[in-house]
Every structure is written in structure tokens, then in C-alpha cells.
N, C-alpha and C. Protein backbone atom coordinates (compact mmCIF):
# COMPACT_ATOMS: atom_id res chain seq x y z
N MET A 1 24.12 -12.89 -7.70
CA MET A 1 22.70 -12.86 -7.50
C MET A 1 22.38 -11.82 -6.43
N ILE A 2 21.35 -11.03 -6.66
CA ILE A 2 20.93 -10.02 -5.71
C ILE A 2 19.69 -10.51 -4.97
N ALA A 3 19.76 -10.52 -3.66
CA ALA A 3 18.60 -10.93 -2.86
C ALA A 3 17.78 -9.69 -2.52
N THR A 4 16.52 -9.74 -2.83
CA THR A 4 15.64 -8.63 -2.49
C THR A 4 14.59 -9.11 -1.51
N ASN A 5 14.36 -8.32 -0.51
CA ASN A 5 13.35 -8.64 0.48
C ASN A 5 12.14 -7.76 0.25
N LYS A 6 11.24 -8.24 -0.56
CA LYS A 6 10.01 -7.50 -0.82
C LYS A 6 8.90 -8.11 0.00
N PRO A 7 8.02 -7.27 0.53
CA PRO A 7 6.91 -7.80 1.31
C PRO A 7 5.89 -8.50 0.42
N ASP A 8 5.00 -9.21 1.05
CA ASP A 8 3.93 -9.89 0.31
C ASP A 8 3.04 -8.87 -0.37
N ARG A 9 2.41 -9.30 -1.44
CA ARG A 9 1.46 -8.44 -2.16
C ARG A 9 0.05 -8.74 -1.70
N CYS A 10 -0.77 -7.72 -1.74
CA CYS A 10 -2.18 -7.85 -1.39
C CYS A 10 -2.86 -8.68 -2.46
N PRO A 11 -3.62 -9.72 -2.08
CA PRO A 11 -4.29 -10.54 -3.07
C PRO A 11 -5.46 -9.82 -3.75
N ILE A 12 -5.89 -8.71 -3.20
CA ILE A 12 -7.04 -7.99 -3.75
C ILE A 12 -6.61 -6.89 -4.71
N CYS A 13 -5.69 -6.01 -4.27
CA CYS A 13 -5.30 -4.87 -5.10
C CYS A 13 -3.92 -5.01 -5.73
N GLY A 14 -3.09 -5.91 -5.22
CA GLY A 14 -1.77 -6.13 -5.79
C GLY A 14 -0.67 -5.25 -5.22
N TYR A 15 -1.01 -4.29 -4.37
CA TYR A 15 0.01 -3.45 -3.75
C TYR A 15 0.67 -4.23 -2.60
N TYR A 16 1.79 -3.70 -2.08
CA TYR A 16 2.53 -4.38 -1.03
C TYR A 16 1.84 -4.23 0.33
N LEU A 17 1.86 -5.32 1.10
CA LEU A 17 1.32 -5.31 2.46
C LEU A 17 2.45 -4.93 3.41
N THR A 18 2.72 -3.63 3.49
CA THR A 18 3.79 -3.13 4.35
C THR A 18 3.51 -1.68 4.71
N THR A 19 4.13 -1.25 5.80
CA THR A 19 4.05 0.17 6.17
C THR A 19 5.42 0.84 6.00
N LEU A 20 6.36 0.14 5.41
CA LEU A 20 7.70 0.70 5.21
C LEU A 20 7.66 1.87 4.23
N ALA A 21 8.36 2.93 4.56
CA ALA A 21 8.35 4.15 3.75
C ALA A 21 8.95 3.94 2.36
N GLU A 22 9.86 3.01 2.22
CA GLU A 22 10.49 2.79 0.92
C GLU A 22 9.51 2.28 -0.14
N PHE A 23 8.35 1.78 0.29
CA PHE A 23 7.34 1.30 -0.64
C PHE A 23 6.18 2.29 -0.79
N ALA A 24 6.40 3.54 -0.40
CA ALA A 24 5.36 4.57 -0.51
C ALA A 24 4.88 4.66 -1.96
N GLY A 25 3.59 4.72 -2.11
CA GLY A 25 3.00 4.76 -3.44
C GLY A 25 2.68 3.38 -3.97
N SER A 26 3.23 2.36 -3.34
CA SER A 26 2.98 0.98 -3.75
C SER A 26 2.48 0.13 -2.60
N ARG A 27 1.99 0.79 -1.55
CA ARG A 27 1.52 0.07 -0.38
C ARG A 27 0.00 -0.08 -0.42
N CYS A 28 -0.48 -1.19 0.04
CA CYS A 28 -1.92 -1.39 0.21
C CYS A 28 -2.33 -0.61 1.46
N VAL A 29 -3.30 0.27 1.32
CA VAL A 29 -3.69 1.12 2.44
C VAL A 29 -5.14 0.88 2.87
N ASP A 30 -5.69 -0.26 2.52
CA ASP A 30 -7.04 -0.61 2.95
C ASP A 30 -6.95 -1.67 4.03
N PRO A 31 -7.28 -1.32 5.28
CA PRO A 31 -7.19 -2.31 6.37
C PRO A 31 -8.02 -3.56 6.10
N GLY A 32 -9.10 -3.43 5.36
CA GLY A 32 -9.92 -4.58 5.02
C GLY A 32 -9.17 -5.57 4.14
N HIS A 33 -8.33 -5.07 3.28
CA HIS A 33 -7.50 -5.94 2.44
C HIS A 33 -6.50 -6.70 3.31
N TRP A 34 -5.92 -6.00 4.28
CA TRP A 34 -4.95 -6.62 5.18
C TRP A 34 -5.63 -7.74 5.98
N GLN A 35 -6.86 -7.48 6.42
CA GLN A 35 -7.60 -8.49 7.18
C GLN A 35 -7.92 -9.69 6.28
N ALA A 36 -8.34 -9.44 5.06
CA ALA A 36 -8.66 -10.53 4.14
C ALA A 36 -7.43 -11.37 3.81
N ALA A 37 -6.26 -10.74 3.78
CA ALA A 37 -5.02 -11.46 3.50
C ALA A 37 -4.50 -12.20 4.73
N GLY A 38 -5.10 -11.97 5.89
CA GLY A 38 -4.66 -12.63 7.12
C GLY A 38 -3.51 -11.93 7.79
N ALA A 39 -3.17 -10.71 7.35
CA ALA A 39 -2.07 -9.97 7.95
C ALA A 39 -2.48 -9.20 9.20
N LEU A 40 -3.77 -8.97 9.38
CA LEU A 40 -4.30 -8.27 10.55
C LEU A 40 -5.55 -8.99 11.04
N SER A 41 -5.77 -8.89 12.33
CA SER A 41 -7.03 -9.38 12.88
C SER A 41 -7.91 -8.17 13.19
N PRO A 42 -9.20 -8.36 13.35
CA PRO A 42 -10.09 -7.22 13.65
C PRO A 42 -9.72 -6.48 14.94
N ARG A 43 -8.95 -7.10 15.81
CA ARG A 43 -8.57 -6.46 17.08
C ARG A 43 -7.24 -5.71 17.00
N ASP A 44 -6.61 -5.67 15.86
CA ASP A 44 -5.35 -4.95 15.68
C ASP A 44 -5.64 -3.48 15.38
N TYR A 45 -6.11 -2.77 16.38
CA TYR A 45 -6.57 -1.39 16.19
C TYR A 45 -5.45 -0.43 15.81
N PHE A 46 -4.31 -0.51 16.49
CA PHE A 46 -3.23 0.43 16.22
C PHE A 46 -2.66 0.27 14.82
N PRO A 47 -2.33 -0.95 14.39
CA PRO A 47 -1.84 -1.09 13.00
C PRO A 47 -2.88 -0.65 11.97
N MET A 48 -4.17 -0.93 12.23
CA MET A 48 -5.21 -0.50 11.29
C MET A 48 -5.28 1.02 11.23
N ALA A 49 -5.11 1.67 12.37
CA ALA A 49 -5.12 3.14 12.40
C ALA A 49 -3.92 3.70 11.63
N GLN A 50 -2.77 3.07 11.76
CA GLN A 50 -1.59 3.52 11.01
C GLN A 50 -1.82 3.38 9.51
N ILE A 51 -2.37 2.28 9.10
CA ILE A 51 -2.62 2.05 7.67
C ILE A 51 -3.65 3.05 7.15
N ALA A 52 -4.70 3.26 7.91
CA ALA A 52 -5.74 4.21 7.49
C ALA A 52 -5.21 5.64 7.43
N SER A 53 -4.31 5.99 8.34
CA SER A 53 -3.76 7.35 8.32
C SER A 53 -2.87 7.59 7.11
N GLN A 54 -2.26 6.55 6.59
CA GLN A 54 -1.41 6.67 5.41
C GLN A 54 -2.23 6.71 4.12
N ALA A 55 -3.50 6.33 4.20
CA ALA A 55 -4.31 6.15 3.00
C ALA A 55 -4.43 7.41 2.15
N SER A 56 -4.74 8.55 2.75
CA SER A 56 -4.94 9.76 1.95
C SER A 56 -3.65 10.20 1.26
N VAL A 57 -2.53 10.05 1.94
CA VAL A 57 -1.24 10.41 1.34
C VAL A 57 -0.93 9.47 0.18
N GLU A 58 -1.16 8.18 0.37
CA GLU A 58 -0.88 7.20 -0.67
C GLU A 58 -1.77 7.43 -1.89
N TYR A 59 -3.05 7.66 -1.68
CA TYR A 59 -3.96 7.87 -2.80
C TYR A 59 -3.58 9.13 -3.57
N HIS A 60 -3.21 10.18 -2.84
CA HIS A 60 -2.80 11.42 -3.51
C HIS A 60 -1.54 11.18 -4.34
N HIS A 61 -0.60 10.44 -3.77
CA HIS A 61 0.66 10.13 -4.47
C HIS A 61 0.39 9.34 -5.74
N ARG A 62 -0.52 8.38 -5.67
CA ARG A 62 -0.83 7.55 -6.84
C ARG A 62 -1.49 8.37 -7.93
N VAL A 63 -2.45 9.21 -7.56
CA VAL A 63 -3.15 10.03 -8.55
C VAL A 63 -2.19 11.01 -9.21
N THR A 64 -1.32 11.62 -8.43
CA THR A 64 -0.34 12.56 -8.97
C THR A 64 0.59 11.85 -9.95
N ASN A 65 1.06 10.67 -9.60
CA ASN A 65 1.95 9.92 -10.50
C ASN A 65 1.23 9.49 -11.77
N GLN A 66 0.00 9.07 -11.67
CA GLN A 66 -0.75 8.65 -12.85
C GLN A 66 -0.98 9.83 -13.79
N ASN A 67 -1.31 10.99 -13.23
CA ASN A 67 -1.53 12.17 -14.07
C ASN A 67 -0.24 12.62 -14.74
N SER A 68 0.89 12.54 -14.05
CA SER A 68 2.16 12.96 -14.66
C SER A 68 2.57 11.99 -15.75
N LEU A 69 2.29 10.69 -15.57
CA LEU A 69 2.61 9.73 -16.62
C LEU A 69 1.76 9.95 -17.86
N LYS A 70 0.50 10.30 -17.69
CA LYS A 70 -0.37 10.56 -18.82
C LYS A 70 0.11 11.78 -19.61
N SER A 71 0.57 12.79 -18.89
CA SER A 71 1.03 13.99 -19.59
C SER A 71 2.34 13.76 -20.34
N ILE A 72 3.15 12.82 -19.85
CA ILE A 72 4.43 12.53 -20.50
C ILE A 72 4.24 11.66 -21.73
N CYS A 73 3.42 10.63 -21.62
CA CYS A 73 3.34 9.65 -22.70
C CYS A 73 2.25 9.94 -23.72
N CYS A 74 1.26 10.75 -23.39
CA CYS A 74 0.14 10.93 -24.33
C CYS A 74 0.00 12.34 -24.82
């Protein structure tokens, strides 16, 4: 049996609630989602800033992957 340690998923978008690089492209990057899930409080400024700074890179990565999948399969 293989044990995998995957972080919790966001109840809103379904992406992982983590800042680990190994989950790049599959991370929830909306601080509001993290707050709604109870993973952050409104006073957690530094973690929210880290999540927000990753947002543009994550969104770009997702769009690029979706476009490449469309070109391969369709």
C-alpha cells in the first residue's frame, strides 16, 4: 500500500489548499477560499500575500495547460 499525503481540497473550487510547489497548477490561489475553508483568518496577512502572489502564475499555468490539451485532443 502506498501512503500519499495530499493536502485538503478547497470546498469552493476543488483545488488543493497548499503552497507547496509540487502542487503547482493544482493549488487554490484565492485567499477568500482559504478563509471560507477555515485555513486562514482575516489577520493572516503574510500567508494571504503569498497565496495572492502565486495567483497570476497559477492562472497562467492553468490556461496554458488547458489550451495545450484542447489542441491535442480536438
